[in-house]
Amino acid sequence: MSKLIGPLQAVDGKRKTTYGYKMHANTDEDGFVKKMSYTPGNVHDSQEFDKLLDTYKTKDKIKTCGEVYADSAYANKKNNEKIGKQNNKVLHRAYRNKPLTKQQKQDNKQRSSIRYVVERTFGLLKLHHGLGKARYLGLARNKARAQLIAMSHNLKTGMNIFKEMQRLKGLRGYCVQ
């Protein structure tokens, strides 16, 4: 007689981890999470682009607030039109039989040097707060957990910036001219 196994249970009876969710985030240059979206793993990244974009409306157009540095998964014609040519800093993508030009490689290198802030934020959230694995069953519970973790990350980042400002303020009197 065989034993029924649930969706999160392995053959030996221990729980399996689930990697079925994605967190999409909009961060600023200091690493604060400004906006976030949490989706099932089968949703493509480009579908969440509108929710993360900081925009404001003018008479006839929707404009972005500043430059947008995004992963190449967000690159498509619709998103490129929304961002505009001047603010579009999305990484270039190579296609089959069409490698990147030297200029595109140079652009990607410069854009990646700025994008590390976002990647560092995700790395901290995964390493120190356990966002690498889904802890609960269901999207709503995992989304609530991710939002709480993002808030705590913002508090921690703010405190680190405050401490650094205080340290620099204390060193101001020791500068040799």
C-alpha atoms as a PDB file:
ATOM      1  CA  MET A   1       0.000   0.000   0.000  1.00  0.00           C
ATOM      2  CA  SER A   2       1.502   3.320  -1.028  1.00  0.00           C
ATOM      3  CA  LYS A   3       1.423   6.446   1.048  1.00  0.00           C
ATOM      4  CA  LEU A   4      -0.087   9.650  -0.395  1.00  0.00           C
ATOM      5  CA  ILE A   5       2.447  12.439  -0.734  1.00  0.00           C
ATOM      6  CA  GLY A   6       1.416  16.090  -0.534  1.00  0.00           C
ATOM      7  CA  PRO A   7       2.684  18.810  -2.879  1.00  0.00           C
ATOM      8  CA  LEU A   8       5.395  19.984  -0.461  1.00  0.00           C
ATOM      9  CA  GLN A   9       6.402  16.623   0.918  1.00  0.00           C
ATOM     10  CA  ALA A  10       9.253  14.493  -0.364  1.00  0.00           C
ATOM     11  CA  VAL A  11       9.301  10.702  -0.382  1.00  0.00           C
ATOM     12  CA  ASP A  12      11.238  10.578   2.899  1.00  0.00           C
ATOM     13  CA  GLY A  13       8.571  12.690   4.654  1.00  0.00           C
ATOM     14  CA  LYS A  14      10.590  15.910   4.869  1.00  0.00           C
ATOM     15  CA  ARG A  15       9.313  19.150   3.394  1.00  0.00           C
ATOM     16  CA  LYS A  16      10.577  20.288   0.020  1.00  0.00           C
ATOM     17  CA  THR A  17      11.299  23.946  -0.625  1.00  0.00           C
ATOM     18  CA  THR A  18       9.358  25.818  -3.274  1.00  0.00           C
ATOM     19  CA  TYR A  19      10.957  28.333  -5.623  1.00  0.00           C
ATOM     20  CA  GLY A  20       7.706  29.298  -7.294  1.00  0.00           C
ATOM     21  CA  TYR A  21       7.589  33.056  -6.606  1.00  0.00           C
ATOM     22  CA  LYS A  22       9.426  36.149  -7.828  1.00  0.00           C
ATOM     23  CA  MET A  23       9.967  39.501  -6.179  1.00  0.00           C
ATOM     24  CA  HIS A  24      10.284  42.487  -8.508  1.00  0.00           C
ATOM     25  CA  ALA A  25      11.588  45.693  -6.938  1.00  0.00           C
ATOM     26  CA  ASN A  26      12.209  49.342  -7.729  1.00  0.00           C
ATOM     27  CA  THR A  27      15.148  50.657  -5.713  1.00  0.00           C
ATOM     28  CA  ASP A  28      16.797  54.047  -5.542  1.00  0.00           C
ATOM     29  CA  GLU A  29      20.515  54.827  -5.676  1.00  0.00           C
ATOM     30  CA  ASP A  30      20.929  54.233  -1.931  1.00  0.00           C
ATOM     31  CA  GLY A  31      19.367  50.750  -1.995  1.00  0.00           C
ATOM     32  CA  PHE A  32      15.953  51.624  -0.519  1.00  0.00           C
ATOM     33  CA  VAL A  33      13.108  49.494  -1.891  1.00  0.00           C
ATOM     34  CA  LYS A  34      10.595  52.056  -3.210  1.00  0.00           C
ATOM     35  CA  LYS A  35       8.093  49.730  -4.878  1.00  0.00           C
ATOM     36  CA  MET A  36       7.800  45.983  -5.016  1.00  0.00           C
ATOM     37  CA  SER A  37       5.685  43.368  -6.685  1.00  0.00           C
ATOM     38  CA  TYR A  38       5.448  39.674  -5.812  1.00  0.00           C
ATOM     39  CA  THR A  39       4.268  37.221  -8.443  1.00  0.00           C
ATOM     40  CA  PRO A  40       4.168  33.492  -9.197  1.00  0.00           C
ATOM     41  CA  GLY A  41       7.298  32.216 -10.907  1.00  0.00           C
ATOM     42  CA  ASN A  42       5.606  31.710 -14.271  1.00  0.00           C
ATOM     43  CA  VAL A  43       4.863  35.441 -14.768  1.00  0.00           C
ATOM     44  CA  HIS A  44       7.404  37.070 -17.094  1.00  0.00           C
ATOM     45  CA  ASP A  45       9.381  39.987 -15.680  1.00  0.00           C
ATOM     46  CA  SER A  46       8.263  42.423 -18.382  1.00  0.00           C
ATOM     47  CA  GLN A  47       4.611  42.091 -17.290  1.00  0.00           C
ATOM     48  CA  GLU A  48       5.398  43.735 -13.930  1.00  0.00           C
ATOM     49  CA  PHE A  49       7.272  46.652 -15.457  1.00  0.00           C
ATOM     50  CA  ASP A  50       4.337  49.103 -15.340  1.00  0.00           C
ATOM     51  CA  LYS A  51       3.729  48.542 -11.635  1.00  0.00           C
ATOM     52  CA  LEU A  52       7.344  49.281 -10.744  1.00  0.00           C
ATOM     53  CA  LEU A  53       7.897  52.321 -12.929  1.00  0.00           C
ATOM     54  CA  ASP A  54       7.867  55.751 -11.249  1.00  0.00           C
ATOM     55  CA  THR A  55       5.759  57.890 -13.567  1.00  0.00           C
ATOM     56  CA  TYR A  56       3.910  61.170 -13.653  1.00  0.00           C
ATOM     57  CA  LYS A  57       1.405  62.501 -16.178  1.00  0.00           C
ATOM     58  CA  THR A  58       1.782  65.616 -18.293  1.00  0.00           C
ATOM     59  CA  LYS A  59      -0.833  66.960 -20.712  1.00  0.00           C
ATOM     60  CA  ASP A  60      -0.411  64.297 -23.355  1.00  0.00           C
ATOM     61  CA  LYS A  61       2.288  61.897 -22.145  1.00  0.00           C
ATOM     62  CA  ILE A  62       3.294  59.751 -19.230  1.00  0.00           C
ATOM     63  CA  LYS A  63       6.899  60.456 -18.245  1.00  0.00           C
ATOM     64  CA  THR A  64       9.304  58.537 -16.052  1.00  0.00           C
ATOM     65  CA  CYS A  65      11.022  60.043 -13.051  1.00  0.00           C
ATOM     66  CA  GLY A  66      14.689  59.793 -13.987  1.00  0.00           C
ATOM     67  CA  GLU A  67      16.656  57.114 -15.749  1.00  0.00           C
ATOM     68  CA  VAL A  68      15.580  53.469 -15.702  1.00  0.00           C
ATOM     69  CA  TYR A  69      18.330  50.859 -15.238  1.00  0.00           C
ATOM     70  CA  ALA A  70      16.726  47.467 -15.712  1.00  0.00           C
ATOM     71  CA  ASP A  71      17.611  43.907 -16.580  1.00  0.00           C
ATOM     72  CA  SER A  72      17.361  42.813 -20.206  1.00  0.00           C
ATOM     73  CA  ALA A  73      14.233  40.798 -19.341  1.00  0.00           C
ATOM     74  CA  TYR A  74      12.342  44.112 -19.243  1.00  0.00           C
ATOM     75  CA  ALA A  75      13.433  45.053 -22.772  1.00  0.00           C
ATOM     76  CA  ASN A  76      10.645  45.046 -25.333  1.00  0.00           C
ATOM     77  CA  LYS A  77       9.134  47.614 -27.697  1.00  0.00           C
ATOM     78  CA  LYS A  78       6.214  48.502 -25.431  1.00  0.00           C
ATOM     79  CA  ASN A  79       8.437  49.177 -22.416  1.00  0.00           C
ATOM     80  CA  ASN A  80      11.008  51.054 -24.496  1.00  0.00           C
ATOM     81  CA  GLU A  81       8.281  53.419 -25.707  1.00  0.00           C
ATOM     82  CA  LYS A  82       7.128  54.047 -22.133  1.00  0.00           C
ATOM     83  CA  ILE A  83      10.591  54.870 -20.880  1.00  0.00           C
ATOM     84  CA  GLY A  84      11.599  57.059 -23.790  1.00  0.00           C
ATOM     85  CA  LYS A  85      14.956  57.144 -25.522  1.00  0.00           C
ATOM     86  CA  GLN A  86      16.635  59.554 -23.104  1.00  0.00           C
ATOM     87  CA  ASN A  87      15.830  57.660 -19.876  1.00  0.00           C
ATOM     88  CA  ASN A  88      16.199  54.120 -21.257  1.00  0.00           C
ATOM     89  CA  LYS A  89      19.191  52.430 -19.617  1.00  0.00           C
ATOM     90  CA  VAL A  90      17.945  48.842 -19.961  1.00  0.00           C
ATOM     91  CA  LEU A  91      20.741  46.355 -20.658  1.00  0.00           C
ATOM     92  CA  HIS A  92      21.212  45.354 -24.303  1.00  0.00           C
ATOM     93  CA  ARG A  93      20.514  41.751 -25.174  1.00  0.00           C
ATOM     94  CA  ALA A  94      22.320  39.612 -27.743  1.00  0.00           C
ATOM     95  CA  TYR A  95      20.243  37.476 -30.069  1.00  0.00           C
ATOM     96  CA  ARG A  96      21.046  34.371 -32.087  1.00  0.00           C
ATOM     97  CA  ASN A  97      23.407  35.224 -34.977  1.00  0.00           C
ATOM     98  CA  LYS A  98      23.426  38.862 -33.836  1.00  0.00           C
ATOM     99  CA  PRO A  99      26.059  39.454 -31.137  1.00  0.00           C
ATOM    100  CA  LEU A 100      26.401  42.714 -29.257  1.00  0.00           C
ATOM    101  CA  THR A 101      28.456  45.482 -30.845  1.00  0.00           C
ATOM    102  CA  LYS A 102      31.409  47.044 -29.032  1.00  0.00           C
ATOM    103  CA  GLN A 103      29.283  50.099 -28.198  1.00  0.00           C
ATOM    104  CA  GLN A 104      26.510  47.925 -26.749  1.00  0.00           C
ATOM    105  CA  LYS A 105      29.037  45.985 -24.652  1.00  0.00           C
ATOM    106  CA  GLN A 106      30.463  49.262 -23.378  1.00  0.00           C
ATOM    107  CA  ASP A 107      26.947  50.541 -22.585  1.00  0.00           C
ATOM    108  CA  ASN A 108      26.140  47.322 -20.702  1.00  0.00           C
ATOM    109  CA  LYS A 109      29.341  47.594 -18.676  1.00  0.00           C
ATOM    110  CA  GLN A 110      28.515  51.173 -17.646  1.00  0.00           C
ATOM    111  CA  ARG A 111      24.891  50.313 -16.867  1.00  0.00           C
ATOM    112  CA  SER A 112      25.883  47.232 -14.877  1.00  0.00           C
ATOM    113  CA  SER A 113      28.137  49.347 -12.686  1.00  0.00           C
ATOM    114  CA  ILE A 114      25.020  51.267 -11.615  1.00  0.00           C
ATOM    115  CA  ARG A 115      22.684  48.253 -11.502  1.00  0.00           C
ATOM    116  CA  TYR A 116      24.779  46.575  -8.823  1.00  0.00           C
ATOM    117  CA  VAL A 117      22.782  48.542  -6.215  1.00  0.00           C
ATOM    118  CA  VAL A 118      19.636  46.614  -7.168  1.00  0.00           C
ATOM    119  CA  GLU A 119      21.475  43.300  -7.300  1.00  0.00           C
ATOM    120  CA  ARG A 120      23.101  44.000  -3.926  1.00  0.00           C
ATOM    121  CA  THR A 121      19.657  44.704  -2.450  1.00  0.00           C
ATOM    122  CA  PHE A 122      18.332  41.367  -3.723  1.00  0.00           C
ATOM    123  CA  GLY A 123      21.452  39.610  -2.456  1.00  0.00           C
ATOM    124  CA  LEU A 124      20.989  41.073   1.029  1.00  0.00           C
ATOM    125  CA  LEU A 125      17.307  40.145   1.071  1.00  0.00           C
ATOM    126  CA  LYS A 126      18.112  36.571   0.061  1.00  0.00           C
ATOM    127  CA  LEU A 127      21.200  36.071   2.229  1.00  0.00           C
ATOM    128  CA  HIS A 128      20.205  37.772   5.476  1.00  0.00           C
ATOM    129  CA  HIS A 129      16.411  37.563   5.390  1.00  0.00           C
ATOM    130  CA  GLY A 130      15.744  34.238   3.683  1.00  0.00           C
ATOM    131  CA  LEU A 131      13.916  35.466   0.591  1.00  0.00           C
ATOM    132  CA  GLY A 132      15.666  32.839  -1.509  1.00  0.00           C
ATOM    133  CA  LYS A 133      12.981  30.324  -0.560  1.00  0.00           C
ATOM    134  CA  ALA A 134       9.241  30.566  -0.105  1.00  0.00           C
ATOM    135  CA  ARG A 135       8.397  29.926   3.526  1.00  0.00           C
ATOM    136  CA  TYR A 136       4.606  29.718   3.421  1.00  0.00           C
ATOM    137  CA  LEU A 137       1.972  28.153   1.211  1.00  0.00           C
ATOM    138  CA  GLY A 138       0.252  30.640  -1.056  1.00  0.00           C
ATOM    139  CA  LEU A 139       1.086  33.891  -2.758  1.00  0.00           C
ATOM    140  CA  ALA A 140      -0.601  36.212  -0.239  1.00  0.00           C
ATOM    141  CA  ARG A 141       1.351  35.002   2.792  1.00  0.00           C
ATOM    142  CA  ASN A 142       4.679  35.022   0.980  1.00  0.00           C
ATOM    143  CA  LYS A 143       3.947  38.489  -0.424  1.00  0.00           C
ATOM    144  CA  ALA A 144       3.176  39.833   3.066  1.00  0.00           C
ATOM    145  CA  ARG A 145       6.430  38.333   4.332  1.00  0.00           C
ATOM    146  CA  ALA A 146       8.396  39.895   1.454  1.00  0.00           C
ATOM    147  CA  GLN A 147       6.822  43.308   2.133  1.00  0.00           C
ATOM    148  CA  LEU A 148       7.731  43.136   5.820  1.00  0.00           C
ATOM    149  CA  ILE A 149      11.273  42.108   4.951  1.00  0.00           C
ATOM    150  CA  ALA A 150      11.555  44.981   2.449  1.00  0.00           C
ATOM    151  CA  MET A 151      10.392  47.419   5.151  1.00  0.00           C
ATOM    152  CA  SER A 152      12.940  46.088   7.621  1.00  0.00           C
ATOM    153  CA  HIS A 153      15.620  46.323   4.924  1.00  0.00           C
ATOM    154  CA  ASN A 154      14.723  49.984   4.370  1.00  0.00           C
ATOM    155  CA  LEU A 155      14.977  50.688   8.106  1.00  0.00           C
ATOM    156  CA  LYS A 156      18.344  48.945   8.275  1.00  0.00           C
ATOM    157  CA  THR A 157      19.617  50.810   5.202  1.00  0.00           C
ATOM    158  CA  GLY A 158      18.441  54.119   6.662  1.00  0.00           C
ATOM    159  CA  MET A 159      20.219  53.438   9.938  1.00  0.00           C
ATOM    160  CA  ASN A 160      23.430  52.528   8.113  1.00  0.00           C
ATOM    161  CA  ILE A 161      23.298  55.767   6.115  1.00  0.00           C
ATOM    162  CA  PHE A 162      22.584  57.747   9.293  1.00  0.00           C
ATOM    163  CA  LYS A 163      25.538  56.111  11.085  1.00  0.00           C
ATOM    164  CA  GLU A 164      27.830  56.859   8.146  1.00  0.00           C
ATOM    165  CA  MET A 165      26.703  60.505   8.123  1.00  0.00           C
ATOM    166  CA  GLN A 166      27.371  60.774  11.869  1.00  0.00           C
ATOM    167  CA  ARG A 167      30.800  59.198  11.417  1.00  0.00           C
ATOM    168  CA  LEU A 168      31.694  61.615   8.631  1.00  0.00           C
ATOM    169  CA  LYS A 169      30.362  64.524  10.670  1.00  0.00           C
ATOM    170  CA  GLY A 170      32.663  63.516  13.548  1.00  0.00           C
ATOM    171  CA  LEU A 171      35.667  63.264  11.213  1.00  0.00           C
ATOM    172  CA  ARG A 172      35.089  66.712   9.764  1.00  0.00           C
ATOM    173  CA  GLY A 173      37.166  68.408  12.477  1.00  0.00           C
ATOM    174  CA  TYR A 174      40.130  66.083  11.848  1.00  0.00           C
ATOM    175  CA  CYS A 175      40.711  66.957   8.186  1.00  0.00           C
ATOM    176  CA  VAL A 176      44.264  68.122   7.460  1.00  0.00           C
ATOM    177  CA  GLN A 177      44.583  70.858   4.878  1.00  0.00           C
END
